[in-house]
Amino acid sequence: MSDAAQVWRLTSPAHAPGLDGEGARLWGGRWNSPGQPMVYCASSLALAVLEVFVHLPPAMRRPDALPPLVAVALEVPGQFDTVAKGDPRSLGDAFLAARAQLALWVPSAVVSLERNLLLNPLHPAMSHVRVITQTPFVLDPRMAS
């Protein structure tokens, strides 16, 4: 395992570190259909903040309603491809079905020049993903003002 990526997740304290892909399996996401587990990670903590914030329901985008979170830093071993252009959900589902790789870099929809890393929690190498840190995290209330 000569190469590794450090990536970030923000998740609820009840689900930290959140490496089973269960939320994505239940609800689906940009890169996976419902029924397909996937773990979404961001290339930086700042990008993880933006990704979480834009997906909060409007009622939670108030200073007094921001949820408590946990910032999880991960070390993901390996070298990963970057997704080609195409329909995100189809590409993500194909990535999961192939089970050829643990992870895949994809462009962020929030900041197009940044990248997210998708993890296939059913890939055998998932057992080598290491939690570096888990830290309580609070969104800055000014974001919701």
N, C-alpha and C. Protein backbone atom coordinates (compact mmCIF):
# COMPACT_ATOMS: atom_id res chain seq x y z
N MET A 1 0.84 -1.18 0.00
CA MET A 1 0.00 0.00 0.00
C MET A 1 0.87 1.24 0.00
N SER A 2 1.42 1.52 -1.14
CA SER A 2 2.37 2.61 -1.24
C SER A 2 1.70 3.97 -1.28
N ASP A 3 0.49 4.03 -1.77
CA ASP A 3 -0.19 5.31 -1.89
C ASP A 3 -1.42 5.31 -0.99
N ALA A 4 -1.81 6.51 -0.58
CA ALA A 4 -3.01 6.64 0.24
C ALA A 4 -3.54 8.06 0.07
N ALA A 5 -4.83 8.20 0.28
CA ALA A 5 -5.47 9.51 0.26
C ALA A 5 -6.01 9.78 1.65
N GLN A 6 -5.86 11.02 2.11
CA GLN A 6 -6.54 11.43 3.34
C GLN A 6 -7.77 12.20 2.92
N VAL A 7 -8.91 11.76 3.40
CA VAL A 7 -10.18 12.38 3.06
C VAL A 7 -10.99 12.60 4.33
N TRP A 8 -12.09 13.33 4.18
CA TRP A 8 -12.91 13.72 5.33
C TRP A 8 -14.37 13.36 5.12
N ARG A 9 -15.03 13.10 6.24
CA ARG A 9 -16.47 12.92 6.29
C ARG A 9 -17.00 13.76 7.44
N LEU A 10 -18.20 14.28 7.29
CA LEU A 10 -18.94 14.86 8.40
C LEU A 10 -20.19 14.03 8.54
N THR A 11 -20.45 13.55 9.73
CA THR A 11 -21.60 12.69 9.96
C THR A 11 -22.19 12.97 11.33
N SER A 12 -23.35 12.44 11.57
CA SER A 12 -23.97 12.62 12.88
C SER A 12 -23.21 11.79 13.90
N PRO A 13 -23.19 12.23 15.15
CA PRO A 13 -22.49 11.46 16.19
C PRO A 13 -22.99 10.02 16.29
N ALA A 14 -24.28 9.81 16.07
CA ALA A 14 -24.85 8.47 16.18
C ALA A 14 -24.34 7.52 15.10
N HIS A 15 -23.85 8.06 13.98
CA HIS A 15 -23.42 7.21 12.87
C HIS A 15 -21.92 7.24 12.61
N ALA A 16 -21.16 7.98 13.42
CA ALA A 16 -19.71 8.09 13.19
C ALA A 16 -19.04 6.74 13.45
N PRO A 17 -18.06 6.35 12.67
CA PRO A 17 -17.50 7.07 11.54
C PRO A 17 -18.30 6.94 10.25
N GLY A 18 -19.30 6.09 10.21
CA GLY A 18 -20.17 6.02 9.04
C GLY A 18 -19.55 5.36 7.84
N LEU A 19 -18.90 4.23 8.05
CA LEU A 19 -18.19 3.58 6.94
C LEU A 19 -18.95 2.40 6.34
N ASP A 20 -20.21 2.23 6.72
CA ASP A 20 -20.97 1.12 6.17
C ASP A 20 -21.78 1.49 4.94
N GLY A 21 -21.91 2.78 4.63
CA GLY A 21 -22.66 3.22 3.45
C GLY A 21 -24.16 3.07 3.60
N GLU A 22 -24.63 2.89 4.83
CA GLU A 22 -26.04 2.61 5.07
C GLU A 22 -26.95 3.77 4.68
N GLY A 23 -26.57 5.00 4.99
CA GLY A 23 -27.41 6.14 4.62
C GLY A 23 -27.58 6.24 3.12
N ALA A 24 -26.49 6.07 2.39
CA ALA A 24 -26.58 6.11 0.93
C ALA A 24 -27.38 4.92 0.40
N ARG A 25 -27.27 3.78 1.07
CA ARG A 25 -28.05 2.61 0.63
C ARG A 25 -29.55 2.87 0.80
N LEU A 26 -29.91 3.49 1.91
CA LEU A 26 -31.33 3.74 2.17
C LEU A 26 -31.91 4.79 1.24
N TRP A 27 -31.18 5.86 1.01
CA TRP A 27 -31.75 7.01 0.31
C TRP A 27 -31.19 7.25 -1.08
N GLY A 28 -30.07 6.62 -1.40
CA GLY A 28 -29.43 6.92 -2.68
C GLY A 28 -28.70 8.25 -2.57
N GLY A 29 -27.99 8.59 -3.60
CA GLY A 29 -27.24 9.84 -3.63
C GLY A 29 -26.95 10.21 -5.07
N ARG A 30 -26.17 11.24 -5.23
CA ARG A 30 -25.82 11.67 -6.58
C ARG A 30 -25.14 10.55 -7.37
N TRP A 31 -24.30 9.76 -6.67
CA TRP A 31 -23.49 8.76 -7.33
C TRP A 31 -23.95 7.32 -7.08
N ASN A 32 -25.07 7.12 -6.40
CA ASN A 32 -25.56 5.75 -6.20
C ASN A 32 -27.08 5.72 -6.11
N SER A 33 -27.63 4.63 -6.58
CA SER A 33 -29.08 4.40 -6.50
C SER A 33 -29.43 3.88 -5.12
N PRO A 34 -30.67 4.10 -4.66
CA PRO A 34 -31.11 3.47 -3.42
C PRO A 34 -30.89 1.95 -3.50
N GLY A 35 -30.49 1.37 -2.39
CA GLY A 35 -30.20 -0.05 -2.35
C GLY A 35 -28.72 -0.37 -2.53
N GLN A 36 -27.93 0.62 -2.96
CA GLN A 36 -26.50 0.44 -3.18
C GLN A 36 -25.71 1.19 -2.10
N PRO A 37 -25.01 0.50 -1.20
CA PRO A 37 -24.25 1.21 -0.17
C PRO A 37 -23.03 1.91 -0.77
N MET A 38 -22.78 3.12 -0.31
CA MET A 38 -21.61 3.89 -0.75
C MET A 38 -21.24 4.85 0.37
N VAL A 39 -19.95 5.10 0.51
CA VAL A 39 -19.46 6.05 1.50
C VAL A 39 -18.90 7.26 0.74
N TYR A 40 -19.47 8.43 1.03
CA TYR A 40 -19.05 9.67 0.39
C TYR A 40 -18.03 10.37 1.27
N CYS A 41 -16.91 10.76 0.68
CA CYS A 41 -15.85 11.48 1.39
C CYS A 41 -15.46 12.70 0.58
N ALA A 42 -14.92 13.71 1.24
CA ALA A 42 -14.47 14.93 0.58
C ALA A 42 -12.95 15.03 0.69
N SER A 43 -12.35 15.70 -0.27
CA SER A 43 -10.89 15.84 -0.29
C SER A 43 -10.38 16.77 0.79
N SER A 44 -11.25 17.57 1.40
CA SER A 44 -10.85 18.45 2.50
C SER A 44 -12.02 18.59 3.47
N LEU A 45 -11.72 19.00 4.68
CA LEU A 45 -12.77 19.23 5.67
C LEU A 45 -13.67 20.39 5.22
N ALA A 46 -13.08 21.41 4.61
CA ALA A 46 -13.88 22.54 4.13
C ALA A 46 -14.90 22.09 3.09
N LEU A 47 -14.49 21.24 2.17
CA LEU A 47 -15.44 20.73 1.18
C LEU A 47 -16.50 19.87 1.85
N ALA A 48 -16.13 19.07 2.82
CA ALA A 48 -17.12 18.26 3.55
C ALA A 48 -18.16 19.15 4.20
N VAL A 49 -17.75 20.29 4.76
CA VAL A 49 -18.68 21.24 5.37
C VAL A 49 -19.68 21.73 4.32
N LEU A 50 -19.19 22.15 3.18
CA LEU A 50 -20.09 22.64 2.13
C LEU A 50 -21.03 21.55 1.64
N GLU A 51 -20.51 20.34 1.44
CA GLU A 51 -21.33 19.23 0.96
C GLU A 51 -22.46 18.93 1.94
N VAL A 52 -22.17 18.93 3.23
CA VAL A 52 -23.20 18.66 4.24
C VAL A 52 -24.19 19.81 4.30
N PHE A 53 -23.68 21.03 4.31
CA PHE A 53 -24.57 22.19 4.47
C PHE A 53 -25.59 22.29 3.34
N VAL A 54 -25.17 22.09 2.10
CA VAL A 54 -26.11 22.23 0.99
C VAL A 54 -27.18 21.14 1.00
N HIS A 55 -26.92 20.04 1.70
CA HIS A 55 -27.91 18.97 1.77
C HIS A 55 -28.79 19.04 3.02
N LEU A 56 -28.56 20.01 3.88
CA LEU A 56 -29.43 20.17 5.04
C LEU A 56 -30.80 20.65 4.59
N PRO A 57 -31.86 20.13 5.20
CA PRO A 57 -33.19 20.67 4.90
C PRO A 57 -33.25 22.15 5.30
N PRO A 58 -34.04 22.97 4.62
CA PRO A 58 -34.11 24.40 4.95
C PRO A 58 -34.39 24.68 6.42
N ALA A 59 -35.19 23.85 7.06
CA ALA A 59 -35.51 24.07 8.48
C ALA A 59 -34.28 23.94 9.38
N MET A 60 -33.25 23.23 8.90
CA MET A 60 -32.03 23.06 9.70
C MET A 60 -30.95 24.07 9.35
N ARG A 61 -31.21 24.94 8.39
CA ARG A 61 -30.23 25.95 7.99
C ARG A 61 -30.42 27.24 8.77
N ARG A 62 -30.80 27.11 10.02
CA ARG A 62 -30.95 28.26 10.91
C ARG A 62 -29.89 28.14 12.00
N PRO A 63 -29.38 29.27 12.50
CA PRO A 63 -28.34 29.20 13.53
C PRO A 63 -28.72 28.34 14.73
N ASP A 64 -30.00 28.33 15.10
CA ASP A 64 -30.42 27.57 16.28
C ASP A 64 -30.79 26.12 15.95
N ALA A 65 -30.66 25.71 14.71
CA ALA A 65 -31.08 24.36 14.32
C ALA A 65 -29.97 23.54 13.66
N LEU A 66 -28.77 24.10 13.57
CA LEU A 66 -27.67 23.36 12.94
C LEU A 66 -27.37 22.10 13.75
N PRO A 67 -27.20 20.97 13.07
CA PRO A 67 -27.00 19.71 13.80
C PRO A 67 -25.59 19.55 14.33
N PRO A 68 -25.44 18.82 15.43
CA PRO A 68 -24.08 18.45 15.86
C PRO A 68 -23.54 17.41 14.89
N LEU A 69 -22.26 17.48 14.64
CA LEU A 69 -21.62 16.58 13.68
C LEU A 69 -20.33 16.03 14.26
N VAL A 70 -19.77 15.08 13.58
CA VAL A 70 -18.44 14.56 13.89
C VAL A 70 -17.62 14.65 12.61
N ALA A 71 -16.44 15.26 12.71
CA ALA A 71 -15.50 15.31 11.58
C ALA A 71 -14.63 14.06 11.68
N VAL A 72 -14.63 13.29 10.61
CA VAL A 72 -13.89 12.04 10.56
C VAL A 72 -12.84 12.13 9.45
N ALA A 73 -11.58 12.03 9.84
CA ALA A 73 -10.50 11.98 8.85
C ALA A 73 -10.16 10.51 8.61
N LEU A 74 -10.03 10.15 7.34
CA LEU A 74 -9.74 8.77 6.95
C LEU A 74 -8.48 8.71 6.11
N GLU A 75 -7.77 7.62 6.26
CA GLU A 75 -6.68 7.29 5.34
C GLU A 75 -7.15 6.11 4.51
N VAL A 76 -7.20 6.33 3.20
CA VAL A 76 -7.69 5.31 2.27
C VAL A 76 -6.51 4.84 1.42
N PRO A 77 -6.13 3.57 1.56
CA PRO A 77 -4.97 3.07 0.82
C PRO A 77 -5.28 2.84 -0.65
N GLY A 78 -4.27 3.07 -1.48
CA GLY A 78 -4.40 2.73 -2.90
C GLY A 78 -4.30 3.93 -3.81
N GLN A 79 -4.32 3.64 -5.10
CA GLN A 79 -4.40 4.66 -6.15
C GLN A 79 -5.76 4.51 -6.80
N PHE A 80 -6.37 5.63 -7.15
CA PHE A 80 -7.75 5.58 -7.60
C PHE A 80 -7.93 6.32 -8.92
N ASP A 81 -8.81 5.78 -9.73
CA ASP A 81 -9.18 6.43 -10.98
C ASP A 81 -10.03 7.65 -10.69
N THR A 82 -10.11 8.52 -11.68
CA THR A 82 -11.03 9.65 -11.63
C THR A 82 -12.12 9.37 -12.64
N VAL A 83 -13.35 9.62 -12.26
CA VAL A 83 -14.50 9.29 -13.10
C VAL A 83 -14.45 10.04 -14.43
N ALA A 84 -14.88 9.35 -15.46
CA ALA A 84 -15.04 9.98 -16.76
C ALA A 84 -16.38 10.72 -16.78
N LYS A 85 -16.60 11.50 -17.80
CA LYS A 85 -17.88 12.23 -17.89
C LYS A 85 -19.01 11.24 -18.16
N GLY A 86 -20.17 11.61 -17.67
CA GLY A 86 -21.34 10.78 -17.87
C GLY A 86 -22.34 11.00 -16.75
N ASP A 87 -23.39 10.21 -16.75
CA ASP A 87 -24.42 10.30 -15.73
C ASP A 87 -23.85 9.82 -14.39
N PRO A 88 -23.82 10.69 -13.37
CA PRO A 88 -23.20 10.30 -12.09
C PRO A 88 -23.76 9.02 -11.49
N ARG A 89 -25.07 8.90 -11.45
CA ARG A 89 -25.65 7.72 -10.79
C ARG A 89 -25.29 6.44 -11.55
N SER A 90 -25.35 6.47 -12.87
CA SER A 90 -24.99 5.29 -13.66
C SER A 90 -23.53 4.94 -13.46
N LEU A 91 -22.66 5.94 -13.47
CA LEU A 91 -21.23 5.69 -13.28
C LEU A 91 -20.95 5.14 -11.89
N GLY A 92 -21.60 5.71 -10.88
CA GLY A 92 -21.40 5.24 -9.51
C GLY A 92 -21.91 3.83 -9.31
N ASP A 93 -23.08 3.54 -9.85
CA ASP A 93 -23.62 2.18 -9.73
C ASP A 93 -22.72 1.17 -10.44
N ALA A 94 -22.18 1.55 -11.59
CA ALA A 94 -21.27 0.66 -12.31
C ALA A 94 -19.98 0.43 -11.51
N PHE A 95 -19.47 1.49 -10.88
CA PHE A 95 -18.28 1.38 -10.02
C PHE A 95 -18.55 0.38 -8.89
N LEU A 96 -19.71 0.50 -8.24
CA LEU A 96 -20.05 -0.41 -7.15
C LEU A 96 -20.20 -1.85 -7.64
N ALA A 97 -20.88 -2.02 -8.75
CA ALA A 97 -21.15 -3.36 -9.27
C ALA A 97 -19.87 -4.08 -9.69
N ALA A 98 -18.92 -3.34 -10.25
CA ALA A 98 -17.67 -3.95 -10.72
C ALA A 98 -16.82 -4.48 -9.56
N ARG A 99 -16.88 -3.80 -8.43
CA ARG A 99 -16.08 -4.16 -7.23
C ARG A 99 -14.60 -4.33 -7.56
N ALA A 100 -14.14 -3.65 -8.61
CA ALA A 100 -12.74 -3.75 -9.02
C ALA A 100 -11.84 -2.83 -8.19
N GLN A 101 -12.40 -1.75 -7.66
CA GLN A 101 -11.62 -0.78 -6.89
C GLN A 101 -12.33 -0.44 -5.60
N LEU A 102 -11.55 -0.05 -4.63
CA LEU A 102 -12.10 0.41 -3.36
C LEU A 102 -12.72 1.79 -3.50
N ALA A 103 -12.07 2.66 -4.28
CA ALA A 103 -12.48 4.07 -4.29
C ALA A 103 -12.37 4.67 -5.67
N LEU A 104 -13.10 5.79 -5.84
CA LEU A 104 -13.14 6.49 -7.12
C LEU A 104 -13.24 7.98 -6.85
N TRP A 105 -12.36 8.78 -7.46
CA TRP A 105 -12.44 10.24 -7.37
C TRP A 105 -13.53 10.74 -8.31
N VAL A 106 -14.33 11.68 -7.82
CA VAL A 106 -15.39 12.28 -8.63
C VAL A 106 -15.42 13.78 -8.38
N PRO A 107 -15.89 14.57 -9.35
CA PRO A 107 -15.97 16.01 -9.12
C PRO A 107 -17.10 16.34 -8.13
N SER A 108 -16.87 17.34 -7.32
CA SER A 108 -17.91 17.84 -6.41
C SER A 108 -18.93 18.64 -7.21
N ALA A 109 -20.20 18.45 -6.90
CA ALA A 109 -21.24 19.27 -7.52
C ALA A 109 -21.31 20.65 -6.89
N VAL A 110 -20.80 20.76 -5.67
CA VAL A 110 -20.84 22.03 -4.94
C VAL A 110 -19.71 22.95 -5.37
N VAL A 111 -18.51 22.39 -5.53
CA VAL A 111 -17.33 23.14 -5.98
C VAL A 111 -16.70 22.30 -7.09
N SER A 112 -17.00 22.64 -8.32
CA SER A 112 -16.66 21.77 -9.45
C SER A 112 -15.16 21.51 -9.63
N LEU A 113 -14.32 22.37 -9.09
CA LEU A 113 -12.88 22.17 -9.21
C LEU A 113 -12.31 21.32 -8.07
N GLU A 114 -13.16 20.92 -7.14
CA GLU A 114 -12.75 20.06 -6.03
C GLU A 114 -13.23 18.63 -6.28
N ARG A 115 -12.71 17.69 -5.47
CA ARG A 115 -13.05 16.28 -5.68
C ARG A 115 -13.57 15.62 -4.40
N ASN A 116 -14.45 14.68 -4.62
CA ASN A 116 -14.90 13.79 -3.56
C ASN A 116 -14.38 12.40 -3.87
N LEU A 117 -14.24 11.59 -2.83
CA LEU A 117 -13.82 10.21 -3.01
C LEU A 117 -14.97 9.30 -2.58
N LEU A 118 -15.40 8.45 -3.50
CA LEU A 118 -16.45 7.48 -3.22
C LEU A 118 -15.79 6.18 -2.78
N LEU A 119 -16.30 5.58 -1.71
CA LEU A 119 -15.79 4.31 -1.23
C LEU A 119 -16.85 3.23 -1.40
N ASN A 120 -16.43 2.06 -1.85
CA ASN A 120 -17.32 0.91 -1.94
C ASN A 120 -17.15 0.11 -0.64
N PRO A 121 -18.11 0.21 0.29
CA PRO A 121 -17.94 -0.47 1.57
C PRO A 121 -17.97 -2.00 1.47
N LEU A 122 -18.36 -2.54 0.31
CA LEU A 122 -18.38 -3.99 0.12
C LEU A 122 -17.08 -4.52 -0.49
N HIS A 123 -16.15 -3.62 -0.82
CA HIS A 123 -14.87 -4.04 -1.39
C HIS A 123 -14.00 -4.63 -0.28
N PRO A 124 -13.27 -5.72 -0.56
CA PRO A 124 -12.43 -6.34 0.48
C PRO A 124 -11.41 -5.38 1.11
N ALA A 125 -10.90 -4.40 0.35
CA ALA A 125 -9.89 -3.48 0.88
C ALA A 125 -10.48 -2.46 1.85
N MET A 126 -11.81 -2.43 2.00
CA MET A 126 -12.42 -1.49 2.95
C MET A 126 -11.90 -1.72 4.36
N SER A 127 -11.49 -2.94 4.66
CA SER A 127 -10.95 -3.24 5.99
C SER A 127 -9.62 -2.53 6.25
N HIS A 128 -9.00 -2.00 5.19
CA HIS A 128 -7.73 -1.29 5.34
C HIS A 128 -7.90 0.22 5.47
N VAL A 129 -9.13 0.71 5.34
CA VAL A 129 -9.40 2.14 5.54
C VAL A 129 -9.22 2.42 7.03
N ARG A 130 -8.43 3.44 7.33
CA ARG A 130 -8.09 3.74 8.72
C ARG A 130 -8.69 5.06 9.15
N VAL A 131 -9.37 5.06 10.29
CA VAL A 131 -9.87 6.30 10.88
C VAL A 131 -8.69 6.98 11.57
N ILE A 132 -8.35 8.17 11.10
CA ILE A 132 -7.23 8.93 11.69
C ILE A 132 -7.71 9.69 12.91
N THR A 133 -8.87 10.33 12.78
CA THR A 133 -9.41 11.09 13.91
C THR A 133 -10.92 11.20 13.77
N GLN A 134 -11.58 11.33 14.91
CA GLN A 134 -13.00 11.65 14.99
C GLN A 134 -13.12 12.77 16.01
N THR A 135 -13.61 13.91 15.56
CA THR A 135 -13.67 15.09 16.41
C THR A 135 -15.05 15.72 16.33
N PRO A 136 -15.65 16.05 17.49
CA PRO A 136 -16.93 16.77 17.43
C PRO A 136 -16.77 18.04 16.59
N PHE A 137 -17.80 18.36 15.81
CA PHE A 137 -17.73 19.49 14.90
C PHE A 137 -19.06 20.23 14.91
N VAL A 138 -18.97 21.54 14.96
CA VAL A 138 -20.16 22.39 14.93
C VAL A 138 -20.04 23.34 13.75
N LEU A 139 -21.06 23.36 12.91
CA LEU A 139 -21.08 24.32 11.80
C LEU A 139 -21.14 25.73 12.36
N ASP A 140 -20.45 26.65 11.72
CA ASP A 140 -20.46 28.06 12.13
C ASP A 140 -21.86 28.63 11.91
N PRO A 141 -22.50 29.16 12.95
CA PRO A 141 -23.86 29.68 12.79
C PRO A 141 -23.99 30.78 11.74
N ARG A 142 -22.89 31.47 11.41
CA ARG A 142 -22.96 32.51 10.38
C ARG A 142 -23.30 31.95 9.01
N MET A 143 -23.05 30.66 8.80
CA MET A 143 -23.42 30.03 7.54
C MET A 143 -24.93 30.03 7.35
N ALA A 144 -25.66 29.97 8.44
CA ALA A 144 -27.11 29.86 8.39
C ALA A 144 -27.81 31.19 8.59
N SER A 145 -27.06 32.24 8.73
CA SER A 145 -27.66 33.54 8.98
C SER A 145 -28.30 34.13 7.73
